[in-house]
Amino acid sequence: MAEALSRATGNAVASVNFDQRALDTLVEETILLASVTGVMTQLRPAVEEREYRPPQHDTVLDATRLVGYLMLPVTMALGLDPIVHGHLTPGGGFQGGVVLAAGLHLLYVTGSFRALDRMRPVNVFDIGEALGAAGFVVIGLVGLLVGAVFLRNLLPIGTLGNLFSGGSVALLNVAVGVEVACGMTVLLAQFLAQEITIVTKGAPR
C-alpha cells in the first residue's frame, strides 16, 4: 500500500499488477493471447464443414429485446470505467475488458445475430487484441531504453486521485483493457460461429 501511495496510484492492486510486478502481468496477458489463438485454430471450419448464414428469426420477447437494448450502453460504460480509472478505483483493464466483450454480445440476446456480426468484425478485433498486447510490450521497451529496466515506471506520477496519475500504470491498464476486450470478443465470436454458422456439409439446417 505504501509503495502504491508513493507512486500516486489509488488502486493498490493496479500498482502491484502494472508497476511492482508488471512482468508477471505481461505473461498473464500473453497466456490469454495464446488461448484465443488456440481456440481460433481449433474451431475453424473443418474440411467436412461449411459456413451457413442463419435466417433472421423474430422469436425474442419484446421485453427481452428492450432490456437488451437499454442495457447495452450501460454495460459498455461500466466496462470502460474500470479501464480508464483502474489506477484510481477498484477494477482494471482485465475486468473492464471482460465486461465490454460481454456487453457487446447483448446484441445477440436481443435476437439479432446479424447485428452482432456487423458490430464486431472478428478481423478488426483480432488486430485490436494484438495491438493491446504489443502496446504493453512497447511501453516496457521504452522503460528499458530510457531507464535501463524493462517496464520501468517512467512517466510523471502526478497527484494522487487525478486521472493523469500513477505514471505508466494507467497506460498499461488501458493496453490490457484493449487486449482483453478484443480477445474475449474474438473468443465468444468463435464459439457462437461454431454453434450457429458452422454445419456439416450436406446436413440440413
Protein backbone atom coordinates (compact mmCIF):
# COMPACT_ATOMS: atom_id res chain seq x y z
CA MET A 1 0.00 0.00 0.00
CA ALA A 2 2.79 2.43 0.92
CA GLU A 3 4.51 1.73 -2.41
CA ALA A 4 1.27 2.39 -4.31
CA LEU A 5 0.66 5.67 -2.49
CA SER A 6 4.23 6.78 -3.05
CA ARG A 7 3.59 6.45 -6.79
CA ALA A 8 0.22 8.24 -6.65
CA THR A 9 -1.72 5.09 -7.55
CA GLY A 10 -5.01 5.00 -5.65
CA ASN A 11 -5.71 1.36 -6.53
CA ALA A 12 -3.06 -0.69 -4.74
CA VAL A 13 -3.91 -3.79 -6.79
CA ALA A 14 -3.26 -1.88 -10.02
CA SER A 15 0.06 -0.72 -8.60
CA VAL A 16 1.05 -4.33 -7.97
CA ASN A 17 -0.18 -5.57 -11.35
CA PHE A 18 1.21 -2.82 -13.55
CA ASP A 19 4.16 -1.43 -11.61
CA GLN A 20 5.61 -3.66 -8.91
CA ARG A 21 5.17 -6.91 -10.85
CA ALA A 22 4.25 -5.75 -14.34
CA LEU A 23 6.30 -8.52 -15.93
CA ASP A 24 4.01 -11.15 -14.38
CA THR A 25 1.01 -9.31 -15.82
CA LEU A 26 2.63 -9.35 -19.26
CA VAL A 27 2.98 -13.13 -19.01
CA GLU A 28 -0.67 -13.48 -18.00
CA GLU A 29 -1.72 -11.26 -20.91
CA THR A 30 0.33 -13.40 -23.28
CA ILE A 31 -1.40 -16.53 -21.96
CA LEU A 32 -4.79 -15.04 -22.88
CA LEU A 33 -3.49 -14.15 -26.34
CA ALA A 34 -2.22 -17.70 -26.83
CA SER A 35 -5.50 -19.17 -25.57
CA VAL A 36 -7.60 -17.15 -28.00
CA THR A 37 -5.25 -18.09 -30.84
CA GLY A 38 -5.61 -21.76 -29.91
CA VAL A 39 -9.40 -21.55 -29.86
CA MET A 40 -9.43 -19.85 -33.28
CA THR A 41 -7.25 -22.63 -34.64
CA GLN A 42 -9.34 -25.44 -33.18
CA LEU A 43 -12.74 -24.00 -34.11
CA ARG A 44 -12.00 -23.02 -37.69
CA PRO A 45 -14.26 -24.84 -40.20
CA ALA A 46 -13.03 -28.36 -40.87
CA VAL A 47 -12.85 -29.95 -44.32
CA GLU A 48 -16.24 -31.59 -43.86
CA GLU A 49 -17.89 -28.40 -42.61
CA ARG A 50 -19.21 -25.27 -44.29
CA GLU A 51 -20.32 -21.83 -43.19
CA TYR A 52 -24.05 -21.23 -43.00
CA ARG A 53 -25.83 -17.88 -42.82
CA PRO A 54 -28.77 -18.31 -40.44
CA PRO A 55 -32.07 -16.63 -41.29
CA GLN A 56 -33.24 -13.73 -39.17
CA HIS A 57 -35.74 -15.13 -36.68
CA ASP A 58 -38.00 -12.91 -34.61
CA THR A 59 -38.54 -15.19 -31.62
CA VAL A 60 -37.27 -12.95 -28.82
CA LEU A 61 -39.75 -11.44 -26.41
CA ASP A 62 -40.22 -7.70 -26.79
CA ALA A 63 -39.32 -7.23 -23.12
CA THR A 64 -36.05 -9.11 -23.60
CA ARG A 65 -35.21 -7.05 -26.66
CA LEU A 66 -35.99 -3.81 -24.84
CA VAL A 67 -33.87 -4.71 -21.81
CA GLY A 68 -31.03 -5.78 -24.09
CA TYR A 69 -31.01 -2.50 -25.98
CA LEU A 70 -31.26 -0.46 -22.78
CA MET A 71 -28.50 -2.38 -21.03
CA LEU A 72 -26.10 -2.29 -23.98
CA PRO A 73 -24.87 1.31 -23.49
CA VAL A 74 -24.97 0.93 -19.71
CA THR A 75 -22.83 -2.20 -19.81
CA MET A 76 -20.38 -0.64 -22.25
CA ALA A 77 -19.99 2.37 -19.94
CA LEU A 78 -19.48 0.08 -16.95
CA GLY A 79 -16.77 -1.72 -18.90
CA LEU A 80 -14.98 1.45 -19.96
CA ASP A 81 -14.93 2.95 -16.47
CA PRO A 82 -12.55 0.45 -14.79
CA ILE A 83 -10.28 0.57 -17.84
CA VAL A 84 -9.95 4.36 -17.75
CA HIS A 85 -9.98 4.71 -13.95
CA GLY A 86 -8.43 1.38 -12.98
CA HIS A 87 -5.41 3.07 -11.41
CA LEU A 88 -7.68 5.15 -9.18
CA THR A 89 -10.57 2.89 -8.17
CA PRO A 90 -11.20 -0.87 -7.82
CA GLY A 91 -11.21 -2.69 -11.12
CA GLY A 92 -8.83 -2.66 -14.01
CA GLY A 93 -8.23 -3.48 -17.63
CA PHE A 94 -8.97 -7.18 -17.32
CA GLN A 95 -12.29 -6.73 -15.55
CA GLY A 96 -13.34 -3.87 -17.79
CA GLY A 97 -12.36 -5.76 -20.93
CA VAL A 98 -14.48 -8.76 -19.99
CA VAL A 99 -17.47 -6.51 -19.27
CA LEU A 100 -17.05 -4.73 -22.61
CA ALA A 101 -16.95 -8.01 -24.52
CA ALA A 102 -20.00 -9.33 -22.68
CA GLY A 103 -21.86 -6.05 -23.16
CA LEU A 104 -21.31 -6.10 -26.90
CA HIS A 105 -22.87 -9.55 -27.08
CA LEU A 106 -26.11 -8.22 -25.61
CA LEU A 107 -26.95 -7.65 -29.28
CA TYR A 108 -27.22 -11.41 -29.59
CA VAL A 109 -29.51 -11.55 -26.55
CA THR A 110 -31.82 -9.11 -28.31
CA GLY A 111 -32.21 -11.71 -31.05
CA SER A 112 -30.10 -10.10 -33.76
CA PHE A 113 -27.10 -12.25 -34.60
CA ARG A 114 -26.62 -10.35 -37.85
CA ALA A 115 -26.44 -7.03 -35.98
CA LEU A 116 -23.85 -8.53 -33.66
CA ASP A 117 -21.91 -9.84 -36.65
CA ARG A 118 -21.83 -6.36 -38.16
CA MET A 119 -20.87 -4.66 -34.90
CA ARG A 120 -17.93 -6.92 -34.11
CA PRO A 121 -15.91 -7.77 -37.23
CA VAL A 122 -13.68 -10.52 -35.93
CA ASN A 123 -10.68 -9.50 -38.04
CA VAL A 124 -10.71 -5.99 -36.57
CA PHE A 125 -10.95 -7.26 -33.01
CA ASP A 126 -8.23 -9.80 -33.71
CA ILE A 127 -5.93 -6.95 -34.72
CA GLY A 128 -7.02 -4.97 -31.65
CA GLU A 129 -6.05 -7.87 -29.41
CA ALA A 130 -2.58 -7.99 -30.95
CA LEU A 131 -2.19 -4.21 -30.67
CA GLY A 132 -3.14 -4.28 -26.98
CA ALA A 133 -0.54 -6.93 -26.24
CA ALA A 134 2.05 -5.16 -28.39
CA GLY A 135 1.32 -1.86 -26.65
CA PHE A 136 2.15 -3.42 -23.29
CA VAL A 137 5.48 -4.65 -24.65
CA VAL A 138 6.29 -1.31 -26.29
CA ILE A 139 5.70 0.57 -23.03
CA GLY A 140 8.03 -1.90 -21.34
CA LEU A 141 10.70 -1.46 -24.01
CA VAL A 142 10.57 2.32 -23.60
CA GLY A 143 11.39 1.79 -19.95
CA LEU A 144 14.25 -0.49 -20.95
CA LEU A 145 15.68 2.01 -23.44
CA VAL A 146 15.33 5.09 -21.25
CA GLY A 147 15.65 3.74 -17.74
CA ALA A 148 17.62 0.54 -18.30
CA VAL A 149 14.81 -1.51 -16.68
CA PHE A 150 12.05 -3.29 -18.63
CA LEU A 151 8.58 -1.94 -17.72
CA ARG A 152 10.07 0.76 -15.52
CA ASN A 153 7.55 3.42 -14.49
CA LEU A 154 8.97 6.47 -16.26
CA LEU A 155 6.05 8.87 -16.64
CA PRO A 156 5.38 11.61 -14.07
CA ILE A 157 3.37 10.12 -11.22
CA GLY A 158 1.16 13.19 -10.88
CA THR A 159 -1.13 13.84 -7.94
CA LEU A 160 -2.95 11.05 -6.13
CA GLY A 161 -6.60 10.97 -7.17
CA ASN A 162 -6.15 12.73 -10.51
CA LEU A 163 -6.86 10.95 -13.79
CA PHE A 164 -3.32 11.58 -15.03
CA SER A 165 -1.52 9.99 -12.12
CA GLY A 166 0.28 6.76 -11.40
CA GLY A 167 2.77 7.14 -14.24
CA SER A 168 2.67 4.34 -16.79
CA VAL A 169 0.22 2.30 -14.68
CA ALA A 170 -2.72 3.97 -16.43
CA LEU A 171 -1.30 3.26 -19.90
CA LEU A 172 -0.59 -0.38 -19.11
CA ASN A 173 -4.10 -0.70 -17.69
CA VAL A 174 -5.59 0.60 -20.94
CA ALA A 175 -3.39 -1.72 -23.01
CA VAL A 176 -4.64 -4.70 -21.02
CA GLY A 177 -8.22 -3.47 -21.35
CA VAL A 178 -7.92 -3.31 -25.14
CA GLU A 179 -6.27 -6.73 -25.34
CA VAL A 180 -8.79 -8.43 -23.06
CA ALA A 181 -11.87 -6.78 -24.58
CA CYS A 182 -10.81 -7.70 -28.11
CA GLY A 183 -9.59 -11.15 -27.12
CA MET A 184 -12.76 -12.09 -25.26
CA THR A 185 -14.86 -10.75 -28.14
CA VAL A 186 -12.96 -12.94 -30.60
CA LEU A 187 -13.28 -15.89 -28.24
CA LEU A 188 -17.06 -15.51 -27.92
CA ALA A 189 -17.34 -14.94 -31.67
CA GLN A 190 -15.64 -18.25 -32.39
CA PHE A 191 -17.89 -20.20 -30.04
CA LEU A 192 -21.02 -18.54 -31.45
CA ALA A 193 -19.89 -19.17 -35.02
CA GLN A 194 -19.26 -22.83 -34.25
CA GLU A 195 -22.74 -23.18 -32.79
CA ILE A 196 -24.72 -21.04 -35.23
CA THR A 197 -22.95 -20.68 -38.57
CA ILE A 198 -20.88 -23.86 -38.96
CA VAL A 199 -22.61 -27.02 -40.19
CA THR A 200 -21.51 -30.32 -41.69
CA LYS A 201 -21.59 -30.32 -45.47
CA GLY A 202 -24.82 -31.80 -46.76
CA ALA A 203 -26.56 -31.51 -43.41
CA PRO A 204 -29.88 -29.62 -43.40
CA ARG A 205 -30.17 -26.57 -41.22
